[in-house]
Amino acid sequence: MSRNNLFVAALALLLAIPAGPALALSPGDRAGRSGDGLASALAEPGNAIRSERFNLCPSIAETAQVKERSVDYLRTREFAEAVRAVAEGSSKFSPTTVPGDWRTAAADWKASVATAGKPRIAVVSGSGGPGGPRAVLVSPNGVPMDPIPLGTDRMCDPQLLFRASIEYRTRLGQEDLPLLYPHVVRQAAAGIGKTVTAKMDVAARNAKRLEDIALRIQQAEQMGAGECQPQELARAKAEVAVARQGITEIDFDPGTAEAVLSRAETLSGNLLAARRYAASRGIRCINE
């Protein structure tokens, strides 16, 4: 994603995300606000709840292993139907004995594709005990997930998806469509699992960093930055919004996220320093 696109996305996010120190997702944020939310679900440090109707496996569609083979149909409803047919044994490409957990995997796949969303990372402040904030994976419908099963047979079965890819292209009558071979599924799923784990670690580590940045911006705004440095304030807020996006989106480039965090730190520090300097001189704006 280009720098300009990131900045435009950030400005859009500003309409929905309030400025302030609460950068990490709170128990009520992005969690659907249903039931007792993330707070009660994660009351115990070791507790995690996996969504029963969401499968992370379709995320392999965004991996290099799948893209470089031009397999671009994984998130379609038609492919989900092909997965279901193989899992139910109604496809001629189904094995003689269908594994018992394929039906569940197919139902999860279909539900995940129908959701048309991607999981995000939430950082729950104060839920990690002595270790600090705790990062959790949250499905598009706001349910905490356990990312560990990704890549196991039930969640992302290589044979199920391979046979479904044959069923899919047969249904479309396009025998030249690329197949999703089992080894590709294994490699892609393993990569997604590692990416998710790494991103969750980074999100937890950067939670306090983001809070400090947002606090400096909030203090600067309270000291008149909105009146005296409106452009600098808007840019700092935009960078913070992109930084927040960077630690909550799984497929956000880590290098870009770090670069934005660094810029946000510099901008927020300069903004607050300018307001403090003006205050120390007894002036409202520095250019007076």
Protein backbone atom coordinates (compact mmCIF):
# COMPACT_ATOMS: atom_id res chain seq x y z
CA MET A 1 0.00 0.00 0.00
CA SER A 2 1.45 3.39 -0.96
CA ARG A 3 2.14 6.17 1.50
CA ASN A 4 -0.64 8.32 0.00
CA ASN A 5 -3.16 5.50 0.28
CA LEU A 6 -2.16 4.91 3.87
CA PHE A 7 -2.63 8.58 4.68
CA VAL A 8 -6.06 8.68 3.05
CA ALA A 9 -7.05 5.56 4.98
CA ALA A 10 -5.85 7.18 8.17
CA LEU A 11 -7.94 10.29 7.63
CA ALA A 12 -10.97 8.10 7.11
CA LEU A 13 -10.20 6.22 10.31
CA LEU A 14 -10.08 9.47 12.24
CA LEU A 15 -13.82 9.84 11.76
CA ALA A 16 -14.39 6.60 13.63
CA ILE A 17 -11.52 6.50 16.13
CA PRO A 18 -11.33 9.12 18.87
CA ALA A 19 -8.01 10.73 19.68
CA GLY A 20 -6.74 9.97 23.13
CA PRO A 21 -4.56 7.60 25.08
CA ALA A 22 -6.75 4.50 24.63
CA LEU A 23 -4.97 3.25 21.52
CA ALA A 24 -5.15 -0.46 22.28
CA LEU A 25 -8.52 -2.04 21.77
CA SER A 26 -10.48 -1.96 24.98
CA PRO A 27 -12.87 -4.76 26.02
CA GLY A 28 -15.72 -2.89 24.33
CA ASP A 29 -13.91 -1.98 21.11
CA ARG A 30 -14.30 -4.10 17.96
CA ALA A 31 -15.67 -6.92 20.06
CA GLY A 32 -19.27 -6.60 19.02
CA ARG A 33 -20.20 -5.30 22.48
CA SER A 34 -22.18 -8.52 22.94
CA GLY A 35 -22.46 -10.29 26.28
CA ASP A 36 -19.74 -9.33 28.67
CA GLY A 37 -17.24 -8.63 25.87
CA LEU A 38 -13.57 -9.47 25.85
CA ALA A 39 -13.06 -8.55 29.48
CA SER A 40 -15.07 -11.45 30.87
CA ALA A 41 -14.03 -13.81 28.08
CA LEU A 42 -10.41 -13.23 28.99
CA ALA A 43 -10.84 -12.99 32.73
CA GLU A 44 -8.24 -15.69 33.25
CA PRO A 45 -4.76 -15.12 31.73
CA GLY A 46 -4.75 -18.53 30.08
CA ASN A 47 -8.29 -18.41 28.75
CA ALA A 48 -9.10 -18.08 25.05
CA ILE A 49 -12.34 -18.59 23.18
CA ARG A 50 -12.34 -19.79 19.60
CA SER A 51 -15.16 -18.67 17.35
CA GLU A 52 -17.28 -21.67 16.41
CA ARG A 53 -18.29 -20.17 13.07
CA PHE A 54 -15.09 -18.63 11.78
CA ASN A 55 -12.19 -20.30 10.02
CA LEU A 56 -8.90 -18.47 9.60
CA CYS A 57 -7.83 -20.78 6.77
CA PRO A 58 -9.27 -18.61 3.93
CA SER A 59 -6.49 -16.15 4.79
CA ILE A 60 -4.12 -18.39 2.83
CA ALA A 61 -5.63 -16.65 -0.22
CA GLU A 62 -3.43 -13.64 0.60
CA THR A 63 -0.18 -15.60 0.97
CA ALA A 64 2.62 -15.52 -1.58
CA GLN A 65 2.46 -19.30 -2.01
CA VAL A 66 -1.14 -19.08 -3.24
CA LYS A 67 -0.92 -15.80 -5.15
CA GLU A 68 2.10 -16.81 -7.19
CA ARG A 69 0.10 -19.78 -8.50
CA SER A 70 -2.80 -17.49 -9.51
CA VAL A 71 -5.28 -19.33 -7.29
CA ASP A 72 -7.68 -16.43 -6.87
CA TYR A 73 -10.99 -18.15 -6.18
CA LEU A 74 -10.62 -19.22 -2.53
CA ARG A 75 -12.85 -16.51 -1.09
CA THR A 76 -15.70 -17.10 -3.52
CA ARG A 77 -19.02 -18.65 -2.55
CA GLU A 78 -18.65 -21.09 -5.42
CA PHE A 79 -15.45 -22.50 -3.96
CA ALA A 80 -17.10 -22.72 -0.53
CA GLU A 81 -19.83 -24.82 -2.15
CA ALA A 82 -17.17 -27.04 -3.72
CA VAL A 83 -15.60 -27.53 -0.28
CA ARG A 84 -19.01 -28.46 1.12
CA ALA A 85 -19.68 -30.96 -1.67
CA VAL A 86 -16.36 -32.74 -1.10
CA ALA A 87 -16.86 -32.71 2.68
CA GLU A 88 -20.35 -34.19 2.40
CA GLY A 89 -19.27 -36.93 0.01
CA SER A 90 -21.52 -35.71 -2.82
CA SER A 91 -18.60 -34.88 -5.10
CA LYS A 92 -17.02 -37.48 -7.35
CA PHE A 93 -13.73 -36.20 -5.98
CA SER A 94 -14.66 -37.04 -2.38
CA PRO A 95 -12.66 -39.89 -0.83
CA THR A 96 -14.35 -43.25 -0.30
CA THR A 97 -14.34 -42.58 3.43
CA VAL A 98 -14.80 -38.89 4.25
CA PRO A 99 -13.04 -37.77 7.46
CA GLY A 100 -15.56 -36.95 10.15
CA ASP A 101 -14.34 -33.41 10.77
CA TRP A 102 -14.51 -32.30 7.13
CA ARG A 103 -18.16 -31.28 7.43
CA THR A 104 -17.34 -28.94 10.30
CA ALA A 105 -14.37 -27.52 8.43
CA ALA A 106 -16.53 -26.93 5.35
CA ALA A 107 -19.24 -25.21 7.41
CA ASP A 108 -16.63 -22.99 9.05
CA TRP A 109 -15.11 -22.17 5.66
CA LYS A 110 -18.49 -21.20 4.21
CA ALA A 111 -19.38 -19.06 7.24
CA SER A 112 -16.01 -17.31 7.11
CA VAL A 113 -16.32 -16.51 3.41
CA ALA A 114 -19.89 -15.26 3.94
CA THR A 115 -18.64 -12.91 6.66
CA ALA A 116 -16.51 -11.18 4.02
CA GLY A 117 -14.18 -9.91 6.71
CA LYS A 118 -10.82 -10.64 8.22
CA PRO A 119 -9.82 -11.24 11.82
CA ARG A 120 -8.05 -8.46 13.68
CA ILE A 121 -5.78 -8.25 16.69
CA ALA A 122 -7.05 -6.73 19.91
CA VAL A 123 -4.84 -5.67 22.80
CA VAL A 124 -6.66 -5.91 26.10
CA SER A 125 -5.01 -3.66 28.66
CA GLY A 126 -4.63 -5.05 32.13
CA SER A 127 -5.50 -8.62 31.19
CA GLY A 128 -2.01 -9.93 30.86
CA GLY A 129 -1.02 -9.85 34.53
CA PRO A 130 2.63 -9.10 35.29
CA GLY A 131 3.51 -9.46 31.60
CA GLY A 132 1.46 -6.41 30.60
CA PRO A 133 -1.22 -6.09 27.91
CA ARG A 134 -2.50 -9.24 26.25
CA ALA A 135 -3.03 -9.59 22.50
CA VAL A 136 -5.92 -11.71 21.27
CA LEU A 137 -7.24 -12.57 17.83
CA VAL A 138 -10.79 -11.38 17.19
CA SER A 139 -13.00 -12.63 14.38
CA PRO A 140 -14.98 -10.16 12.21
CA ASN A 141 -18.07 -10.85 14.32
CA GLY A 142 -16.20 -9.85 17.48
CA VAL A 143 -15.50 -13.26 18.99
CA PRO A 144 -12.05 -14.00 20.47
CA MET A 145 -10.29 -16.76 18.57
CA ASP A 146 -7.51 -19.19 19.30
CA PRO A 147 -5.03 -18.98 16.38
CA ILE A 148 -3.12 -22.12 17.37
CA PRO A 149 -5.32 -24.64 15.45
CA LEU A 150 -4.58 -22.91 12.14
CA GLY A 151 -2.88 -25.37 9.83
CA THR A 152 -4.19 -28.47 11.59
CA ASP A 153 -6.24 -30.98 9.62
CA ARG A 154 -9.58 -29.79 10.93
CA MET A 155 -9.09 -26.11 10.22
CA CYS A 156 -7.14 -26.24 6.96
CA ASP A 157 -7.07 -29.77 5.61
CA PRO A 158 -4.78 -29.95 2.52
CA GLN A 159 -6.62 -32.91 0.95
CA LEU A 160 -10.04 -31.34 1.46
CA LEU A 161 -9.00 -28.10 -0.22
CA PHE A 162 -7.12 -29.84 -3.02
CA ARG A 163 -10.12 -32.01 -3.90
CA ALA A 164 -12.38 -28.95 -3.60
CA SER A 165 -10.23 -27.09 -6.12
CA ILE A 166 -10.73 -29.95 -8.60
CA GLU A 167 -14.48 -29.91 -7.90
CA TYR A 168 -14.58 -26.13 -8.34
CA ARG A 169 -12.94 -26.04 -11.77
CA THR A 170 -15.01 -29.03 -12.92
CA ARG A 171 -18.22 -27.22 -11.94
CA LEU A 172 -17.12 -24.18 -13.91
CA GLY A 173 -16.01 -26.29 -16.85
CA GLN A 174 -12.61 -24.59 -16.80
CA GLU A 175 -10.07 -27.37 -16.63
CA ASP A 176 -7.21 -24.91 -17.08
CA LEU A 177 -7.80 -23.23 -13.72
CA PRO A 178 -4.88 -23.71 -11.29
CA LEU A 179 -5.31 -26.31 -8.55
CA LEU A 180 -4.66 -25.79 -4.87
CA TYR A 181 -2.13 -28.55 -4.24
CA PRO A 182 -1.77 -30.02 -0.72
CA HIS A 183 1.84 -28.90 -0.25
CA VAL A 184 0.81 -25.32 -1.12
CA VAL A 185 -1.92 -25.41 1.55
CA ARG A 186 0.54 -26.71 4.16
CA GLN A 187 3.14 -24.06 3.39
CA ALA A 188 0.60 -21.23 3.26
CA ALA A 189 -1.13 -22.29 6.47
CA ALA A 190 2.17 -22.60 8.32
CA GLY A 191 3.13 -19.13 7.13
CA ILE A 192 -0.18 -17.61 8.26
CA GLY A 193 0.18 -19.23 11.68
CA LYS A 194 3.67 -17.78 12.14
CA THR A 195 2.54 -14.36 10.90
CA VAL A 196 -0.40 -14.25 13.29
CA THR A 197 1.75 -15.24 16.27
CA ALA A 198 4.44 -12.68 15.40
CA LYS A 199 1.90 -9.89 14.84
CA MET A 200 0.22 -10.60 18.17
CA ASP A 201 3.59 -10.37 19.95
CA VAL A 202 4.34 -7.05 18.23
CA ALA A 203 0.88 -5.69 19.04
CA ALA A 204 1.29 -6.46 22.73
CA ARG A 205 4.74 -4.85 22.81
CA ASN A 206 3.60 -1.71 20.99
CA ALA A 207 0.43 -1.12 23.03
CA LYS A 208 2.17 1.09 25.61
CA ARG A 209 4.12 2.85 22.89
CA LEU A 210 0.90 3.81 21.12
CA GLU A 211 -0.71 4.96 24.34
CA ASP A 212 2.23 7.30 25.02
CA ILE A 213 2.03 8.78 21.52
CA ALA A 214 -1.72 9.38 21.79
CA LEU A 215 -1.31 10.93 25.24
CA ARG A 216 1.23 13.45 23.92
CA ILE A 217 -1.13 14.40 21.11
CA GLN A 218 -4.01 14.77 23.54
CA GLN A 219 -1.94 16.99 25.82
CA ALA A 220 -0.79 19.13 22.90
CA GLU A 221 -4.38 19.55 21.75
CA GLN A 222 -5.45 20.59 25.23
CA MET A 223 -2.69 23.22 25.16
CA GLY A 224 -4.00 24.80 21.94
CA ALA A 225 -2.45 22.77 19.13
CA GLY A 226 -5.76 22.66 17.32
CA GLU A 227 -5.77 26.45 17.03
CA CYS A 228 -2.05 27.10 16.55
CA GLN A 229 -0.86 24.03 14.66
CA PRO A 230 -3.94 22.49 13.03
CA GLN A 231 -2.06 20.89 10.14
CA GLU A 232 0.60 19.35 12.37
CA LEU A 233 -2.10 18.09 14.73
CA ALA A 234 -4.09 16.53 11.88
CA ARG A 235 -0.98 14.83 10.51
CA ALA A 236 -0.01 13.45 13.92
CA LYS A 237 -3.51 12.05 14.43
CA ALA A 238 -3.45 10.52 10.97
CA GLU A 239 -0.13 8.80 11.65
CA VAL A 240 -1.49 7.46 14.93
CA ALA A 241 -4.55 6.08 13.15
CA VAL A 242 -2.33 4.31 10.62
CA ALA A 243 -0.10 3.04 13.43
CA ARG A 244 -3.14 1.62 15.19
CA GLN A 245 -4.19 -0.03 11.95
CA GLY A 246 -0.70 -1.44 11.63
CA ILE A 247 -0.78 -3.33 14.91
CA THR A 248 -4.37 -4.57 14.56
CA GLU A 249 -4.39 -5.81 10.96
CA ILE A 250 -2.76 -9.16 10.33
CA ASP A 251 -1.69 -8.45 6.76
CA PHE A 252 -0.35 -4.95 7.43
CA ASP A 253 3.34 -4.83 6.46
CA PRO A 254 5.49 -4.88 9.66
CA GLY A 255 8.12 -2.58 8.16
CA THR A 256 5.50 0.00 7.23
CA ALA A 257 3.90 -0.26 10.67
CA GLU A 258 7.24 0.39 12.39
CA ALA A 259 7.98 3.35 10.11
CA VAL A 260 4.59 4.89 10.87
CA LEU A 261 5.06 4.34 14.60
CA SER A 262 8.41 6.13 14.48
CA ARG A 263 6.93 9.07 12.56
CA ALA A 264 4.02 9.26 15.00
CA GLU A 265 6.46 9.38 17.91
CA THR A 266 8.45 12.19 16.31
CA LEU A 267 5.38 14.21 15.33
CA SER A 268 3.70 13.86 18.71
CA GLY A 269 6.92 14.79 20.52
CA ASN A 270 7.48 17.88 18.35
CA LEU A 271 3.87 18.95 18.71
CA LEU A 272 3.91 18.77 22.50
CA ALA A 273 7.33 20.42 22.70
CA ALA A 274 6.07 23.36 20.66
CA ARG A 275 3.04 23.82 22.90
CA ARG A 276 5.17 23.63 26.05
CA TYR A 277 7.59 26.17 24.62
CA ALA A 278 4.74 28.56 23.83
CA ALA A 279 3.33 28.09 27.31
CA SER A 280 6.71 28.78 28.93
CA ARG A 281 6.91 32.08 27.02
CA GLY A 282 3.39 33.06 27.93
CA ILE A 283 2.25 33.19 24.33
CA ARG A 284 -0.65 31.49 22.69
CA CYS A 285 0.97 30.51 19.40
CA ILE A 286 4.70 30.30 18.63
CA ASN A 287 4.52 32.66 15.66
CA GLU A 288 3.15 35.51 17.79
